[in-house]
């Protein structure tokens, strides 16, 4: 999510808000039986995080492509193993 509104519009408590980048990941994980290629189980997951940005900078401009990719990878690294574990559990 990229919210480029002025910070004064973001505050939830009446105080000026801080700029943030909010990476979002939506993944569908499926367990396929390779003997017959049939779907056995599936699970969808959607996760996000808030990453504050220093100052009043535009969150997209204030972060590098590498930082944005790392934020997405961090979400995937945490959530994907949980989804896989639930699919292979008896």
N, C-alpha and C. Protein backbone atom coordinates (compact mmCIF):
# COMPACT_ATOMS: atom_id res chain seq x y z
N UNK A 1 0.85 -1.18 0.00
CA UNK A 1 0.00 0.00 0.00
C UNK A 1 0.89 1.23 0.00
N UNK A 2 0.58 2.16 -0.81
CA UNK A 2 1.32 3.41 -0.86
C UNK A 2 0.34 4.54 -0.62
N UNK A 3 0.46 5.15 0.54
CA UNK A 3 -0.43 6.25 0.91
C UNK A 3 0.37 7.53 0.85
N UNK A 4 0.08 8.37 -0.12
CA UNK A 4 0.86 9.60 -0.30
C UNK A 4 0.15 10.83 0.23
N UNK A 5 -0.89 10.62 1.06
CA UNK A 5 -1.57 11.76 1.65
C UNK A 5 -0.63 12.48 2.61
N UNK A 6 -0.87 13.76 2.84
CA UNK A 6 -0.07 14.45 3.86
C UNK A 6 -0.22 13.75 5.21
N UNK A 7 0.84 13.76 6.00
CA UNK A 7 0.85 13.05 7.28
C UNK A 7 -0.29 13.46 8.21
N UNK A 8 -0.71 14.69 8.16
CA UNK A 8 -1.77 15.15 9.07
C UNK A 8 -3.05 14.35 8.87
N UNK A 9 -3.23 13.74 7.72
CA UNK A 9 -4.43 12.96 7.46
C UNK A 9 -4.30 11.51 7.91
N UNK A 10 -3.12 11.07 8.29
CA UNK A 10 -2.91 9.67 8.61
C UNK A 10 -3.11 9.37 10.10
N UNK A 11 -2.94 10.37 10.97
CA UNK A 11 -2.99 10.12 12.40
C UNK A 11 -4.33 9.54 12.85
N UNK A 12 -4.28 8.50 13.67
CA UNK A 12 -5.49 7.87 14.18
C UNK A 12 -5.91 8.48 15.51
N UNK A 13 -4.98 9.09 16.21
CA UNK A 13 -5.27 9.64 17.53
C UNK A 13 -5.39 11.16 17.51
N UNK A 14 -5.55 11.73 16.34
CA UNK A 14 -5.66 13.17 16.22
C UNK A 14 -4.32 13.86 16.06
N UNK A 15 -3.25 13.13 16.26
CA UNK A 15 -1.91 13.67 16.10
C UNK A 15 -1.43 13.38 14.67
N UNK A 16 -0.52 14.22 14.18
CA UNK A 16 0.01 13.94 12.84
C UNK A 16 0.62 12.53 12.80
N UNK A 17 0.35 11.83 11.76
CA UNK A 17 0.89 10.48 11.61
C UNK A 17 2.29 10.49 11.06
N UNK A 18 2.89 9.33 11.02
CA UNK A 18 4.23 9.18 10.47
C UNK A 18 4.11 8.46 9.13
N UNK A 19 5.00 8.81 8.23
CA UNK A 19 5.01 8.14 6.94
C UNK A 19 5.36 6.68 7.15
N UNK A 20 4.75 5.81 6.34
CA UNK A 20 5.08 4.39 6.47
C UNK A 20 4.90 3.70 5.13
N UNK A 21 5.61 2.63 4.97
CA UNK A 21 5.44 1.73 3.84
C UNK A 21 4.75 0.50 4.41
N UNK A 22 3.74 0.00 3.74
CA UNK A 22 2.99 -1.16 4.24
C UNK A 22 3.02 -2.29 3.22
N UNK A 23 4.07 -3.11 3.26
CA UNK A 23 4.13 -4.23 2.32
C UNK A 23 3.02 -5.24 2.60
N UNK A 24 2.51 -5.84 1.54
CA UNK A 24 1.39 -6.77 1.63
C UNK A 24 1.70 -7.97 0.73
N UNK A 25 1.48 -9.16 1.26
CA UNK A 25 1.73 -10.38 0.50
C UNK A 25 0.48 -11.24 0.54
N UNK A 26 0.08 -11.73 -0.62
CA UNK A 26 -1.05 -12.66 -0.73
C UNK A 26 -0.54 -13.88 -1.50
N UNK A 27 -0.64 -15.05 -0.87
CA UNK A 27 -0.10 -16.28 -1.45
C UNK A 27 -1.12 -17.40 -1.33
N UNK A 28 -1.19 -18.24 -2.34
CA UNK A 28 -1.97 -19.46 -2.29
C UNK A 28 -0.99 -20.62 -2.28
N UNK A 29 -1.08 -21.46 -1.26
CA UNK A 29 -0.19 -22.61 -1.10
C UNK A 29 -1.02 -23.86 -1.32
N UNK A 30 -0.52 -24.77 -2.16
CA UNK A 30 -1.28 -25.97 -2.47
C UNK A 30 -0.42 -27.21 -2.27
N UNK A 31 -1.05 -28.27 -1.79
CA UNK A 31 -0.41 -29.57 -1.65
C UNK A 31 -0.97 -30.45 -2.76
N UNK A 32 -0.11 -30.86 -3.67
CA UNK A 32 -0.49 -31.65 -4.84
C UNK A 32 0.10 -33.06 -4.70
N UNK A 33 -0.71 -34.06 -4.91
CA UNK A 33 -0.23 -35.44 -4.94
C UNK A 33 0.41 -35.67 -6.30
N UNK A 34 1.71 -35.89 -6.33
CA UNK A 34 2.42 -36.02 -7.59
C UNK A 34 2.09 -37.31 -8.34
N UNK A 35 1.52 -38.30 -7.65
CA UNK A 35 1.19 -39.55 -8.33
C UNK A 35 0.01 -39.39 -9.28
N UNK A 36 -0.94 -38.49 -8.93
CA UNK A 36 -2.09 -38.29 -9.80
C UNK A 36 -2.35 -36.80 -10.11
N UNK A 37 -1.47 -35.95 -9.61
CA UNK A 37 -1.55 -34.50 -9.83
C UNK A 37 -2.86 -33.87 -9.35
N UNK A 38 -3.43 -34.48 -8.31
CA UNK A 38 -4.67 -33.94 -7.74
C UNK A 38 -4.36 -33.07 -6.53
N UNK A 39 -5.16 -32.04 -6.40
CA UNK A 39 -5.05 -31.15 -5.26
C UNK A 39 -5.54 -31.87 -4.00
N UNK A 40 -4.68 -31.90 -2.99
CA UNK A 40 -5.06 -32.55 -1.72
C UNK A 40 -5.55 -31.54 -0.70
N UNK A 41 -4.83 -30.44 -0.58
CA UNK A 41 -5.20 -29.36 0.35
C UNK A 41 -4.67 -28.05 -0.20
N UNK A 42 -5.28 -26.99 0.24
CA UNK A 42 -4.76 -25.67 -0.13
C UNK A 42 -5.07 -24.67 0.97
N UNK A 43 -4.29 -23.63 0.98
CA UNK A 43 -4.49 -22.58 1.98
C UNK A 43 -4.05 -21.26 1.37
N UNK A 44 -4.81 -20.24 1.62
CA UNK A 44 -4.44 -18.89 1.19
C UNK A 44 -4.01 -18.10 2.41
N UNK A 45 -3.06 -17.23 2.21
CA UNK A 45 -2.65 -16.36 3.31
C UNK A 45 -2.44 -14.96 2.78
N UNK A 46 -2.73 -14.01 3.61
CA UNK A 46 -2.53 -12.61 3.29
C UNK A 46 -1.98 -11.94 4.55
N UNK A 47 -0.83 -11.33 4.41
CA UNK A 47 -0.19 -10.68 5.56
C UNK A 47 0.35 -9.32 5.13
N UNK A 48 0.47 -8.45 6.10
CA UNK A 48 1.05 -7.14 5.85
C UNK A 48 1.82 -6.69 7.07
N UNK A 49 2.56 -5.64 6.90
CA UNK A 49 3.33 -5.05 8.01
C UNK A 49 3.38 -3.54 7.78
N UNK A 50 3.70 -2.84 8.82
CA UNK A 50 3.90 -1.39 8.71
C UNK A 50 5.36 -1.09 8.97
N UNK A 51 5.97 -0.38 8.04
CA UNK A 51 7.37 0.00 8.19
C UNK A 51 7.46 1.52 8.20
N UNK A 52 7.70 2.11 9.37
CA UNK A 52 7.80 3.57 9.45
C UNK A 52 8.96 4.08 8.60
N UNK A 53 8.77 5.25 8.05
CA UNK A 53 9.79 5.91 7.25
C UNK A 53 10.21 7.16 7.99
N UNK A 54 11.49 7.46 7.99
CA UNK A 54 12.01 8.61 8.70
C UNK A 54 11.46 9.92 8.13
N UNK A 55 11.04 10.77 9.01
CA UNK A 55 10.58 12.10 8.60
C UNK A 55 9.26 12.09 7.88
N UNK A 56 9.06 13.12 7.08
CA UNK A 56 7.82 13.29 6.35
C UNK A 56 7.95 12.85 4.90
N UNK A 57 8.95 12.05 4.63
CA UNK A 57 9.24 11.66 3.25
C UNK A 57 8.14 10.79 2.66
N UNK A 58 8.02 10.84 1.36
CA UNK A 58 7.17 9.91 0.63
C UNK A 58 7.73 8.51 0.88
N UNK A 59 6.95 7.57 1.40
CA UNK A 59 7.47 6.25 1.74
C UNK A 59 8.12 5.52 0.56
N UNK A 60 7.55 5.68 -0.62
CA UNK A 60 8.10 4.98 -1.78
C UNK A 60 9.46 5.58 -2.15
N UNK A 61 9.55 6.90 -2.14
CA UNK A 61 10.80 7.57 -2.50
C UNK A 61 11.86 7.42 -1.42
N UNK A 62 11.43 7.24 -0.17
CA UNK A 62 12.38 7.18 0.95
C UNK A 62 12.97 5.78 1.14
N UNK A 63 12.47 4.79 0.41
CA UNK A 63 12.99 3.43 0.52
C UNK A 63 13.54 2.99 -0.83
N UNK A 64 14.55 2.16 -0.76
CA UNK A 64 15.13 1.64 -2.00
C UNK A 64 14.35 0.41 -2.45
N UNK A 65 14.54 0.03 -3.68
CA UNK A 65 13.90 -1.19 -4.19
C UNK A 65 14.34 -2.38 -3.35
N UNK A 66 15.59 -2.41 -2.95
CA UNK A 66 16.10 -3.50 -2.13
C UNK A 66 15.38 -3.56 -0.78
N UNK A 67 15.15 -2.42 -0.15
CA UNK A 67 14.44 -2.39 1.13
C UNK A 67 13.02 -2.89 0.98
N UNK A 68 12.36 -2.50 -0.10
CA UNK A 68 10.98 -2.94 -0.32
C UNK A 68 10.92 -4.44 -0.57
N UNK A 69 11.86 -4.96 -1.35
CA UNK A 69 11.90 -6.40 -1.61
C UNK A 69 12.20 -7.17 -0.33
N UNK A 70 13.13 -6.68 0.47
CA UNK A 70 13.46 -7.35 1.74
C UNK A 70 12.26 -7.37 2.68
N UNK A 71 11.47 -6.31 2.68
CA UNK A 71 10.28 -6.28 3.53
C UNK A 71 9.28 -7.35 3.10
N UNK A 72 9.11 -7.51 1.80
CA UNK A 72 8.21 -8.56 1.29
C UNK A 72 8.77 -9.95 1.59
N UNK A 73 10.07 -10.14 1.38
CA UNK A 73 10.69 -11.43 1.66
C UNK A 73 10.57 -11.80 3.13
N UNK A 74 10.70 -10.81 4.01
CA UNK A 74 10.58 -11.08 5.45
C UNK A 74 9.18 -11.60 5.79
N UNK A 75 8.15 -11.02 5.19
CA UNK A 75 6.79 -11.50 5.43
C UNK A 75 6.64 -12.94 4.93
N UNK A 76 7.16 -13.21 3.77
CA UNK A 76 7.06 -14.55 3.18
C UNK A 76 7.82 -15.57 4.03
N UNK A 77 9.01 -15.22 4.47
CA UNK A 77 9.83 -16.14 5.28
C UNK A 77 9.16 -16.51 6.59
N UNK A 78 8.39 -15.61 7.16
CA UNK A 78 7.71 -15.88 8.43
C UNK A 78 6.43 -16.68 8.20
N UNK A 79 5.65 -16.31 7.21
CA UNK A 79 4.31 -16.87 7.05
C UNK A 79 4.26 -18.15 6.21
N UNK A 80 5.10 -18.29 5.22
CA UNK A 80 5.02 -19.45 4.34
C UNK A 80 5.26 -20.77 5.08
N UNK A 81 6.27 -20.87 5.96
CA UNK A 81 6.46 -22.13 6.69
C UNK A 81 5.24 -22.52 7.53
N UNK A 82 4.55 -21.54 8.08
CA UNK A 82 3.33 -21.85 8.86
C UNK A 82 2.26 -22.45 7.96
N UNK A 83 2.11 -21.89 6.77
CA UNK A 83 1.10 -22.39 5.85
C UNK A 83 1.46 -23.81 5.38
N UNK A 84 2.71 -24.03 5.07
CA UNK A 84 3.14 -25.35 4.62
C UNK A 84 2.95 -26.37 5.75
N UNK A 85 3.30 -26.00 6.96
CA UNK A 85 3.15 -26.92 8.10
C UNK A 85 1.69 -27.34 8.28
N UNK A 86 0.79 -26.41 8.09
CA UNK A 86 -0.63 -26.76 8.26
C UNK A 86 -1.12 -27.66 7.13
N UNK A 87 -0.51 -27.57 5.96
CA UNK A 87 -0.92 -28.44 4.85
C UNK A 87 -0.43 -29.86 5.01
N UNK A 88 0.74 -30.04 5.56
CA UNK A 88 1.31 -31.39 5.67
C UNK A 88 0.97 -32.07 7.00
N UNK A 89 0.33 -31.34 7.90
CA UNK A 89 -0.06 -31.93 9.19
C UNK A 89 -1.13 -32.99 8.94
N UNK A 90 -1.08 -34.08 9.74
CA UNK A 90 -2.09 -35.14 9.53
C UNK A 90 -3.50 -34.70 9.87
